[in-house]
Amino acid sequence: MDIGISNFPTAYSMNAVDLARALEERGFESLWVVEHTHVPASRRTPYPMGGDLPSIYWEAYEPFTYLAQAAAVTENLKVGTGICLVPEHHPIALAKRVASLDAISNGRFLFGVGAGWLGEELENHGVRFEDRWKVLREHVLAMQACWTEKDAEYHGEFVDFDPVWVEPKPVTKPHPPVLIGATSTWAIKRIAEYAQGWYPVHIPEFDQRLEQLHEELDKVGRTIDEIDISLLTMITEPGQLVELAGKGVNRIVLSLPTGDRDASLQVLDGYAQIVEWAST
């Protein structure tokens, strides 16, 4: 079982260089960071967790820039978006950004994707909230074409372009894994259709969704072995790792609260036992 860390990196939190080195030194497998291009000052959409929206949602660094710095000072640490709000990007430009990071990290990029929950943020990018998952699907399929074809083209409802040359190609073949970060029943169908992984929060319905995933994969001639399951959760004893591994989970992602160097290192050292459990 691999152990990763998820973080909202900001100007006042542990910097990318120190965090990446600390993770690699302690045996963590991956670093995942969030994305919000902005947060509208006036919002109709409530914060899903309730209460006021934490400031880290608009203070977090742009993820690809941050992860490139983390990858540059490490040799084995994988870097991932957890998650990239794909509908807020042009697919050709995002395909190049993903392929570039995958190339300069020598194939260490994990592409966690999602459609977003903040309607006004999406609207500022010209995407209707109700269209966000349809837009994400077309963007992912268009990017997959850019990553794998010399004369890449895509023609859909939201994305439409004639053959283009997009270089560099990713080091990871055929392309970096696309992990869908959602837990709805609709998300499971999407994973089976066009994704290579699942990046869910550990909700009470996890086992039900996992069973559905097996069923949906079977319908399209795929198996669970083709899916990278990275579960955002907390581990308190080694038996949980054994149980989750038995269900096909291959990566646990632990949350690192946004904080300065000393506070972050204290949390990471506290997670050291989980890394040890996972390695035995």
C-alpha atoms as a PDB file:
ATOM      1  CA  MET A   1       0.000   0.000   0.000  1.00  0.00           C
ATOM      2  CA  ASP A   2       1.333   3.418  -0.966  1.00  0.00           C
ATOM      3  CA  ILE A   3       0.823   6.426   1.303  1.00  0.00           C
ATOM      4  CA  GLY A   4       0.366   9.923  -0.085  1.00  0.00           C
ATOM      5  CA  ILE A   5      -0.264  13.364   1.341  1.00  0.00           C
ATOM      6  CA  SER A   6      -2.912  15.912   0.311  1.00  0.00           C
ATOM      7  CA  ASN A   7      -2.415  19.614   0.991  1.00  0.00           C
ATOM      8  CA  PHE A   8      -3.706  23.127   0.310  1.00  0.00           C
ATOM      9  CA  PRO A   9      -0.329  24.882  -0.250  1.00  0.00           C
ATOM     10  CA  THR A  10      -0.265  28.626   0.405  1.00  0.00           C
ATOM     11  CA  ALA A  11       2.254  31.427   0.852  1.00  0.00           C
ATOM     12  CA  TYR A  12       2.214  30.869   4.618  1.00  0.00           C
ATOM     13  CA  SER A  13       2.503  27.072   4.594  1.00  0.00           C
ATOM     14  CA  MET A  14       5.571  24.857   4.311  1.00  0.00           C
ATOM     15  CA  ASN A  15       7.175  25.606   0.942  1.00  0.00           C
ATOM     16  CA  ALA A  16       7.185  23.130  -1.936  1.00  0.00           C
ATOM     17  CA  VAL A  17      10.911  22.329  -1.796  1.00  0.00           C
ATOM     18  CA  ASP A  18      10.986  21.578   1.925  1.00  0.00           C
ATOM     19  CA  LEU A  19       7.699  19.673   1.873  1.00  0.00           C
ATOM     20  CA  ALA A  20       8.636  17.502  -1.091  1.00  0.00           C
ATOM     21  CA  ARG A  21      12.012  16.614   0.399  1.00  0.00           C
ATOM     22  CA  ALA A  22      10.456  15.881   3.782  1.00  0.00           C
ATOM     23  CA  LEU A  23       7.893  13.564   2.199  1.00  0.00           C
ATOM     24  CA  GLU A  24      10.483  11.636   0.219  1.00  0.00           C
ATOM     25  CA  GLU A  25      12.796  11.330   3.223  1.00  0.00           C
ATOM     26  CA  ARG A  26       9.938   9.875   5.290  1.00  0.00           C
ATOM     27  CA  GLY A  27       8.867   7.327   2.686  1.00  0.00           C
ATOM     28  CA  PHE A  28       5.678   8.942   1.435  1.00  0.00           C
ATOM     29  CA  GLU A  29       4.864   7.941  -2.132  1.00  0.00           C
ATOM     30  CA  SER A  30       3.029  11.001  -3.446  1.00  0.00           C
ATOM     31  CA  LEU A  31       2.017  14.612  -2.930  1.00  0.00           C
ATOM     32  CA  TRP A  32      -1.440  15.794  -4.026  1.00  0.00           C
ATOM     33  CA  VAL A  33      -2.522  19.434  -4.132  1.00  0.00           C
ATOM     34  CA  VAL A  34      -5.836  21.134  -4.750  1.00  0.00           C
ATOM     35  CA  GLU A  35      -6.991  23.652  -7.333  1.00  0.00           C
ATOM     36  CA  HIS A  36      -9.294  26.660  -7.348  1.00  0.00           C
ATOM     37  CA  THR A  37      -8.401  29.325  -9.887  1.00  0.00           C
ATOM     38  CA  HIS A  38     -10.297  31.836  -7.757  1.00  0.00           C
ATOM     39  CA  VAL A  39     -13.290  32.169  -5.466  1.00  0.00           C
ATOM     40  CA  PRO A  40     -15.997  34.682  -6.425  1.00  0.00           C
ATOM     41  CA  ALA A  41     -16.417  37.361  -3.777  1.00  0.00           C
ATOM     42  CA  SER A  42     -20.195  37.008  -3.963  1.00  0.00           C
ATOM     43  CA  ARG A  43     -21.538  33.451  -4.027  1.00  0.00           C
ATOM     44  CA  ARG A  44     -24.868  31.674  -4.071  1.00  0.00           C
ATOM     45  CA  THR A  45     -23.228  28.271  -3.652  1.00  0.00           C
ATOM     46  CA  PRO A  46     -22.781  27.277   0.006  1.00  0.00           C
ATOM     47  CA  TYR A  47     -19.619  25.605   1.255  1.00  0.00           C
ATOM     48  CA  PRO A  48     -20.367  21.832   1.134  1.00  0.00           C
ATOM     49  CA  MET A  49     -18.842  21.253   4.576  1.00  0.00           C
ATOM     50  CA  GLY A  50     -21.007  23.961   6.136  1.00  0.00           C
ATOM     51  CA  GLY A  51     -20.101  27.275   7.698  1.00  0.00           C
ATOM     52  CA  ASP A  52     -17.733  29.840   6.212  1.00  0.00           C
ATOM     53  CA  LEU A  53     -15.502  28.923   3.297  1.00  0.00           C
ATOM     54  CA  PRO A  54     -11.893  28.622   4.569  1.00  0.00           C
ATOM     55  CA  SER A  55      -9.521  31.148   3.030  1.00  0.00           C
ATOM     56  CA  ILE A  56      -7.191  28.376   1.791  1.00  0.00           C
ATOM     57  CA  TYR A  57      -9.665  27.795  -1.046  1.00  0.00           C
ATOM     58  CA  TRP A  58      -8.640  31.051  -2.710  1.00  0.00           C
ATOM     59  CA  GLU A  59      -5.123  31.323  -1.283  1.00  0.00           C
ATOM     60  CA  ALA A  60      -3.788  27.991  -2.577  1.00  0.00           C
ATOM     61  CA  TYR A  61      -1.030  28.074  -5.185  1.00  0.00           C
ATOM     62  CA  GLU A  62      -1.629  27.119  -8.817  1.00  0.00           C
ATOM     63  CA  PRO A  63      -1.023  23.346  -8.679  1.00  0.00           C
ATOM     64  CA  PHE A  64       1.116  22.682 -11.760  1.00  0.00           C
ATOM     65  CA  THR A  65       3.643  25.354 -10.849  1.00  0.00           C
ATOM     66  CA  TYR A  66       3.821  24.092  -7.273  1.00  0.00           C
ATOM     67  CA  LEU A  67       4.125  20.432  -8.271  1.00  0.00           C
ATOM     68  CA  ALA A  68       6.849  21.176 -10.815  1.00  0.00           C
ATOM     69  CA  GLN A  69       8.952  22.646  -8.040  1.00  0.00           C
ATOM     70  CA  ALA A  70       8.260  19.628  -5.827  1.00  0.00           C
ATOM     71  CA  ALA A  71       9.209  17.230  -8.612  1.00  0.00           C
ATOM     72  CA  ALA A  72      12.422  19.138  -9.382  1.00  0.00           C
ATOM     73  CA  VAL A  73      13.924  18.484  -5.931  1.00  0.00           C
ATOM     74  CA  THR A  74      12.906  14.825  -5.583  1.00  0.00           C
ATOM     75  CA  GLU A  75      13.692  11.611  -7.440  1.00  0.00           C
ATOM     76  CA  ASN A  76      10.876   9.210  -6.607  1.00  0.00           C
ATOM     77  CA  LEU A  77       8.026  11.252  -5.135  1.00  0.00           C
ATOM     78  CA  LYS A  78       4.964  11.214  -7.354  1.00  0.00           C
ATOM     79  CA  VAL A  79       3.068  14.468  -7.745  1.00  0.00           C
ATOM     80  CA  GLY A  80      -0.641  14.764  -8.381  1.00  0.00           C
ATOM     81  CA  THR A  81      -3.571  17.123  -8.663  1.00  0.00           C
ATOM     82  CA  GLY A  82      -6.169  16.339  -6.075  1.00  0.00           C
ATOM     83  CA  ILE A  83      -8.059  17.628  -7.931  1.00  0.00           C
ATOM     84  CA  CYS A  84      -7.658  19.692 -11.115  1.00  0.00           C
ATOM     85  CA  LEU A  85     -10.883  21.446 -12.117  1.00  0.00           C
ATOM     86  CA  VAL A  86     -10.665  20.416 -15.755  1.00  0.00           C
ATOM     87  CA  PRO A  87     -13.705  22.358 -17.079  1.00  0.00           C
ATOM     88  CA  GLU A  88     -11.947  25.607 -16.111  1.00  0.00           C
ATOM     89  CA  HIS A  89      -9.121  25.002 -18.614  1.00  0.00           C
ATOM     90  CA  HIS A  90      -8.827  24.874 -22.378  1.00  0.00           C
ATOM     91  CA  PRO A  91      -8.138  21.202 -23.165  1.00  0.00           C
ATOM     92  CA  ILE A  92      -5.279  21.812 -25.631  1.00  0.00           C
ATOM     93  CA  ALA A  93      -3.449  24.095 -23.192  1.00  0.00           C
ATOM     94  CA  LEU A  94      -4.083  21.732 -20.274  1.00  0.00           C
ATOM     95  CA  ALA A  95      -2.926  18.732 -22.309  1.00  0.00           C
ATOM     96  CA  LYS A  96       0.398  20.485 -22.903  1.00  0.00           C
ATOM     97  CA  ARG A  97       0.716  21.473 -19.230  1.00  0.00           C
ATOM     98  CA  VAL A  98       0.047  17.905 -18.054  1.00  0.00           C
ATOM     99  CA  ALA A  99       2.405  16.349 -20.600  1.00  0.00           C
ATOM    100  CA  SER A 100       5.138  18.844 -19.716  1.00  0.00           C
ATOM    101  CA  LEU A 101       4.925  18.097 -15.997  1.00  0.00           C
ATOM    102  CA  ASP A 102       4.844  14.369 -16.663  1.00  0.00           C
ATOM    103  CA  ALA A 103       7.899  14.682 -18.907  1.00  0.00           C
ATOM    104  CA  ILE A 104      10.035  16.833 -16.624  1.00  0.00           C
ATOM    105  CA  SER A 105       9.184  14.628 -13.639  1.00  0.00           C
ATOM    106  CA  ASN A 106      10.092  11.520 -15.653  1.00  0.00           C
ATOM    107  CA  GLY A 107       6.619  10.039 -15.487  1.00  0.00           C
ATOM    108  CA  ARG A 108       5.729  10.854 -11.880  1.00  0.00           C
ATOM    109  CA  PHE A 109       2.501  12.774 -12.491  1.00  0.00           C
ATOM    110  CA  LEU A 110      -0.951  11.587 -11.330  1.00  0.00           C
ATOM    111  CA  PHE A 111      -3.840  13.493 -12.899  1.00  0.00           C
ATOM    112  CA  GLY A 112      -6.684  13.718 -10.401  1.00  0.00           C
ATOM    113  CA  VAL A 113      -9.651  15.469 -12.025  1.00  0.00           C
ATOM    114  CA  GLY A 114     -13.043  16.813 -11.056  1.00  0.00           C
ATOM    115  CA  ALA A 115     -15.786  19.089 -12.296  1.00  0.00           C
ATOM    116  CA  GLY A 116     -16.064  21.428  -9.321  1.00  0.00           C
ATOM    117  CA  TRP A 117     -18.749  22.305  -6.796  1.00  0.00           C
ATOM    118  CA  LEU A 118     -18.638  26.118  -6.884  1.00  0.00           C
ATOM    119  CA  GLY A 119     -21.084  27.196  -9.551  1.00  0.00           C
ATOM    120  CA  GLU A 120     -19.996  30.830  -9.739  1.00  0.00           C
ATOM    121  CA  GLU A 121     -16.357  29.820 -10.216  1.00  0.00           C
ATOM    122  CA  LEU A 122     -17.328  27.661 -13.197  1.00  0.00           C
ATOM    123  CA  GLU A 123     -19.551  30.398 -14.622  1.00  0.00           C
ATOM    124  CA  ASN A 124     -16.602  32.807 -14.589  1.00  0.00           C
ATOM    125  CA  HIS A 125     -14.875  30.344 -16.903  1.00  0.00           C
ATOM    126  CA  GLY A 126     -17.873  30.221 -19.220  1.00  0.00           C
ATOM    127  CA  VAL A 127     -19.119  26.813 -18.028  1.00  0.00           C
ATOM    128  CA  ARG A 128     -22.680  26.263 -16.866  1.00  0.00           C
ATOM    129  CA  PHE A 129     -22.826  24.308 -13.615  1.00  0.00           C
ATOM    130  CA  GLU A 130     -25.211  21.751 -15.092  1.00  0.00           C
ATOM    131  CA  ASP A 131     -22.820  21.123 -18.010  1.00  0.00           C
ATOM    132  CA  ARG A 132     -19.659  20.679 -15.954  1.00  0.00           C
ATOM    133  CA  TRP A 133     -19.375  16.879 -16.159  1.00  0.00           C
ATOM    134  CA  LYS A 134     -20.179  16.801 -19.871  1.00  0.00           C
ATOM    135  CA  VAL A 135     -17.500  19.431 -20.403  1.00  0.00           C
ATOM    136  CA  LEU A 136     -15.021  17.460 -18.276  1.00  0.00           C
ATOM    137  CA  ARG A 137     -15.635  14.297 -20.305  1.00  0.00           C
ATOM    138  CA  GLU A 138     -14.986  16.017 -23.611  1.00  0.00           C
ATOM    139  CA  HIS A 139     -11.912  17.793 -22.253  1.00  0.00           C
ATOM    140  CA  VAL A 140     -10.433  14.515 -20.979  1.00  0.00           C
ATOM    141  CA  LEU A 141     -11.117  12.692 -24.242  1.00  0.00           C
ATOM    142  CA  ALA A 142      -9.650  15.589 -26.227  1.00  0.00           C
ATOM    143  CA  MET A 143      -6.556  15.630 -24.015  1.00  0.00           C
ATOM    144  CA  GLN A 144      -6.122  11.884 -24.387  1.00  0.00           C
ATOM    145  CA  ALA A 145      -6.085  12.430 -28.148  1.00  0.00           C
ATOM    146  CA  CYS A 146      -3.452  15.172 -27.773  1.00  0.00           C
ATOM    147  CA  TRP A 147      -1.282  12.906 -25.629  1.00  0.00           C
ATOM    148  CA  THR A 148      -1.409   9.869 -27.894  1.00  0.00           C
ATOM    149  CA  GLU A 149      -1.831  11.094 -31.491  1.00  0.00           C
ATOM    150  CA  LYS A 150       0.455  13.111 -33.750  1.00  0.00           C
ATOM    151  CA  ASP A 151      -2.445  14.709 -35.610  1.00  0.00           C
ATOM    152  CA  ALA A 152      -4.848  15.031 -32.707  1.00  0.00           C
ATOM    153  CA  GLU A 153      -8.398  16.174 -33.283  1.00  0.00           C
ATOM    154  CA  TYR A 154     -11.656  16.158 -31.394  1.00  0.00           C
ATOM    155  CA  HIS A 155     -15.178  17.087 -32.382  1.00  0.00           C
ATOM    156  CA  GLY A 156     -17.834  17.321 -29.703  1.00  0.00           C
ATOM    157  CA  GLU A 157     -20.495  19.581 -28.279  1.00  0.00           C
ATOM    158  CA  PHE A 158     -18.141  21.637 -26.091  1.00  0.00           C
ATOM    159  CA  VAL A 159     -14.748  20.922 -27.675  1.00  0.00           C
ATOM    160  CA  ASP A 160     -14.120  21.098 -31.397  1.00  0.00           C
ATOM    161  CA  PHE A 161     -10.777  21.301 -33.163  1.00  0.00           C
ATOM    162  CA  ASP A 162      -9.226  19.958 -36.355  1.00  0.00           C
ATOM    163  CA  PRO A 163      -5.848  18.141 -36.310  1.00  0.00           C
ATOM    164  CA  VAL A 164      -3.223  19.809 -34.108  1.00  0.00           C
ATOM    165  CA  TRP A 165       0.331  18.987 -33.050  1.00  0.00           C
ATOM    166  CA  VAL A 166       0.745  19.079 -29.274  1.00  0.00           C
ATOM    167  CA  GLU A 167       4.203  18.366 -27.901  1.00  0.00           C
ATOM    168  CA  PRO A 168       5.869  17.135 -25.789  1.00  0.00           C
ATOM    169  CA  LYS A 169       4.117  13.815 -25.405  1.00  0.00           C
ATOM    170  CA  PRO A 170       3.945  12.413 -21.873  1.00  0.00           C
ATOM    171  CA  VAL A 171       6.670  10.069 -20.658  1.00  0.00           C
ATOM    172  CA  THR A 172       3.966   7.882 -19.089  1.00  0.00           C
ATOM    173  CA  LYS A 173       2.417   5.673 -21.766  1.00  0.00           C
ATOM    174  CA  PRO A 174      -0.114   5.950 -23.132  1.00  0.00           C
ATOM    175  CA  HIS A 175      -0.573   8.983 -20.864  1.00  0.00           C
ATOM    176  CA  PRO A 176      -0.691   9.886 -17.146  1.00  0.00           C
ATOM    177  CA  PRO A 177      -3.524   8.126 -15.330  1.00  0.00           C
ATOM    178  CA  VAL A 178      -6.734  10.117 -15.077  1.00  0.00           C
ATOM    179  CA  LEU A 179      -8.293   9.638 -11.631  1.00  0.00           C
ATOM    180  CA  ILE A 180     -11.821  10.946 -11.143  1.00  0.00           C
ATOM    181  CA  GLY A 181     -12.288  12.591  -7.761  1.00  0.00           C
ATOM    182  CA  ALA A 182     -15.972  12.083  -7.033  1.00  0.00           C
ATOM    183  CA  THR A 183     -18.198   9.599  -5.229  1.00  0.00           C
ATOM    184  CA  SER A 184     -21.611   9.823  -6.873  1.00  0.00           C
ATOM    185  CA  THR A 185     -23.209   6.919  -8.730  1.00  0.00           C
ATOM    186  CA  TRP A 186     -22.731   8.893 -11.956  1.00  0.00           C
ATOM    187  CA  ALA A 187     -19.015   9.279 -11.234  1.00  0.00           C
ATOM    188  CA  ILE A 188     -18.628   5.504 -11.170  1.00  0.00           C
ATOM    189  CA  LYS A 189     -20.006   5.215 -14.702  1.00  0.00           C
ATOM    190  CA  ARG A 190     -17.577   7.896 -15.865  1.00  0.00           C
ATOM    191  CA  ILE A 191     -14.604   6.066 -14.363  1.00  0.00           C
ATOM    192  CA  ALA A 192     -15.528   2.894 -16.217  1.00  0.00           C
ATOM    193  CA  GLU A 193     -15.893   4.772 -19.489  1.00  0.00           C
ATOM    194  CA  TYR A 194     -12.795   6.960 -19.751  1.00  0.00           C
ATOM    195  CA  ALA A 195     -10.680   7.066 -16.567  1.00  0.00           C
ATOM    196  CA  GLN A 196      -7.802   4.997 -15.223  1.00  0.00           C
ATOM    197  CA  GLY A 197      -8.378   5.685 -11.566  1.00  0.00           C
ATOM    198  CA  TRP A 198     -10.688   6.752  -8.768  1.00  0.00           C
ATOM    199  CA  TYR A 199      -9.811   9.313  -6.088  1.00  0.00           C
ATOM    200  CA  PRO A 200     -12.696   9.280  -3.599  1.00  0.00           C
ATOM    201  CA  VAL A 201     -13.130  10.567  -0.092  1.00  0.00           C
ATOM    202  CA  HIS A 202     -13.861   7.631   2.225  1.00  0.00           C
ATOM    203  CA  ILE A 203     -17.632   8.022   2.507  1.00  0.00           C
ATOM    204  CA  PRO A 204     -19.945   5.533   4.297  1.00  0.00           C
ATOM    205  CA  GLU A 205     -21.185   4.352   0.878  1.00  0.00           C
ATOM    206  CA  PHE A 206     -17.674   3.459  -0.300  1.00  0.00           C
ATOM    207  CA  ASP A 207     -18.308  -0.301  -0.430  1.00  0.00           C
ATOM    208  CA  GLN A 208     -21.507   0.206  -2.414  1.00  0.00           C
ATOM    209  CA  ARG A 209     -19.756   2.468  -4.902  1.00  0.00           C
ATOM    210  CA  LEU A 210     -16.916  -0.045  -5.193  1.00  0.00           C
ATOM    211  CA  GLU A 211     -19.382  -2.819  -5.984  1.00  0.00           C
ATOM    212  CA  GLN A 212     -20.981  -0.590  -8.603  1.00  0.00           C
ATOM    213  CA  LEU A 213     -17.554   0.115 -10.081  1.00  0.00           C
ATOM    214  CA  HIS A 214     -16.959  -3.613 -10.548  1.00  0.00           C
ATOM    215  CA  GLU A 215     -20.303  -3.894 -12.317  1.00  0.00           C
ATOM    216  CA  GLU A 216     -19.734  -0.890 -14.592  1.00  0.00           C
ATOM    217  CA  LEU A 217     -16.245  -2.063 -15.524  1.00  0.00           C
ATOM    218  CA  ASP A 218     -17.582  -5.491 -16.409  1.00  0.00           C
ATOM    219  CA  LYS A 219     -20.136  -3.884 -18.746  1.00  0.00           C
ATOM    220  CA  VAL A 220     -17.360  -2.274 -20.795  1.00  0.00           C
ATOM    221  CA  GLY A 221     -14.953  -5.207 -20.698  1.00  0.00           C
ATOM    222  CA  ARG A 222     -12.580  -3.806 -18.088  1.00  0.00           C
ATOM    223  CA  THR A 223     -11.463  -5.080 -14.669  1.00  0.00           C
ATOM    224  CA  ILE A 224     -10.725  -3.472 -11.331  1.00  0.00           C
ATOM    225  CA  ASP A 225      -7.022  -4.214 -11.882  1.00  0.00           C
ATOM    226  CA  GLU A 226      -7.036  -1.421 -14.479  1.00  0.00           C
ATOM    227  CA  ILE A 227      -8.190   1.158 -11.927  1.00  0.00           C
ATOM    228  CA  ASP A 228      -5.861   3.047  -9.582  1.00  0.00           C
ATOM    229  CA  ILE A 229      -7.912   3.497  -6.401  1.00  0.00           C
ATOM    230  CA  SER A 230      -6.511   6.254  -4.202  1.00  0.00           C
ATOM    231  CA  LEU A 231      -8.590   6.754  -1.071  1.00  0.00           C
ATOM    232  CA  LEU A 232      -8.559  10.003   0.889  1.00  0.00           C
ATOM    233  CA  THR A 233      -9.039   8.836   4.468  1.00  0.00           C
ATOM    234  CA  MET A 234      -7.430   8.487   7.893  1.00  0.00           C
ATOM    235  CA  ILE A 235      -5.812   5.304   9.204  1.00  0.00           C
ATOM    236  CA  THR A 236      -5.679   4.502  12.908  1.00  0.00           C
ATOM    237  CA  GLU A 237      -4.527   0.875  12.927  1.00  0.00           C
ATOM    238  CA  PRO A 238      -2.771  -1.497  10.488  1.00  0.00           C
ATOM    239  CA  GLY A 239      -5.793  -3.739  10.037  1.00  0.00           C
ATOM    240  CA  GLN A 240      -7.502  -0.967   8.090  1.00  0.00           C
ATOM    241  CA  LEU A 241      -4.722  -1.054   5.492  1.00  0.00           C
ATOM    242  CA  VAL A 242      -5.079  -4.802   5.114  1.00  0.00           C
ATOM    243  CA  GLU A 243      -8.844  -4.526   4.735  1.00  0.00           C
ATOM    244  CA  LEU A 244      -8.678  -1.724   2.168  1.00  0.00           C
ATOM    245  CA  ALA A 245      -5.924  -3.463   0.199  1.00  0.00           C
ATOM    246  CA  GLY A 246      -8.180  -6.494  -0.005  1.00  0.00           C
ATOM    247  CA  LYS A 247     -10.821  -4.314  -1.626  1.00  0.00           C
ATOM    248  CA  GLY A 248      -8.419  -3.125  -4.305  1.00  0.00           C
ATOM    249  CA  VAL A 249      -7.303   0.160  -2.776  1.00  0.00           C
ATOM    250  CA  ASN A 250      -3.649   0.691  -3.663  1.00  0.00           C
ATOM    251  CA  ARG A 251      -3.024   4.142  -2.206  1.00  0.00           C
ATOM    252  CA  ILE A 252      -4.109   5.918   0.979  1.00  0.00           C
ATOM    253  CA  VAL A 253      -3.946   9.711   0.896  1.00  0.00           C
ATOM    254  CA  LEU A 254      -3.696  11.477   4.257  1.00  0.00           C
ATOM    255  CA  SER A 255      -4.599  15.110   4.781  1.00  0.00           C
ATOM    256  CA  LEU A 256      -1.878  17.537   5.819  1.00  0.00           C
ATOM    257  CA  PRO A 257      -3.426  20.690   7.328  1.00  0.00           C
ATOM    258  CA  THR A 258      -2.115  23.965   5.916  1.00  0.00           C
ATOM    259  CA  GLY A 259       0.550  25.180   8.302  1.00  0.00           C
ATOM    260  CA  ASP A 260       4.120  26.344   8.669  1.00  0.00           C
ATOM    261  CA  ARG A 261       7.198  24.129   8.523  1.00  0.00           C
ATOM    262  CA  ASP A 262       7.260  23.121  12.195  1.00  0.00           C
ATOM    263  CA  ALA A 263       3.552  22.319  12.338  1.00  0.00           C
ATOM    264  CA  SER A 264       3.699  20.356   9.079  1.00  0.00           C
ATOM    265  CA  LEU A 265       6.719  18.300  10.105  1.00  0.00           C
ATOM    266  CA  GLN A 266       5.039  17.444  13.383  1.00  0.00           C
ATOM    267  CA  VAL A 267       2.013  16.067  11.503  1.00  0.00           C
ATOM    268  CA  LEU A 268       4.187  14.150   9.039  1.00  0.00           C
ATOM    269  CA  ASP A 269       6.210  12.606  11.844  1.00  0.00           C
ATOM    270  CA  GLY A 270       2.935  11.576  13.438  1.00  0.00           C
ATOM    271  CA  TYR A 271       2.012   9.793  10.210  1.00  0.00           C
ATOM    272  CA  ALA A 272       5.333   7.908  10.186  1.00  0.00           C
ATOM    273  CA  GLN A 273       3.747   4.882  11.844  1.00  0.00           C
ATOM    274  CA  ILE A 274       1.190   4.617   9.025  1.00  0.00           C
ATOM    275  CA  VAL A 275       3.983   4.616   6.448  1.00  0.00           C
ATOM    276  CA  GLU A 276       5.699   1.876   8.451  1.00  0.00           C
ATOM    277  CA  TRP A 277       2.506  -0.203   8.602  1.00  0.00           C
ATOM    278  CA  ALA A 278       2.054   0.159   4.853  1.00  0.00           C
ATOM    279  CA  SER A 279       5.576  -1.058   4.114  1.00  0.00           C
ATOM    280  CA  THR A 280       5.262  -4.316   6.073  1.00  0.00           C
END
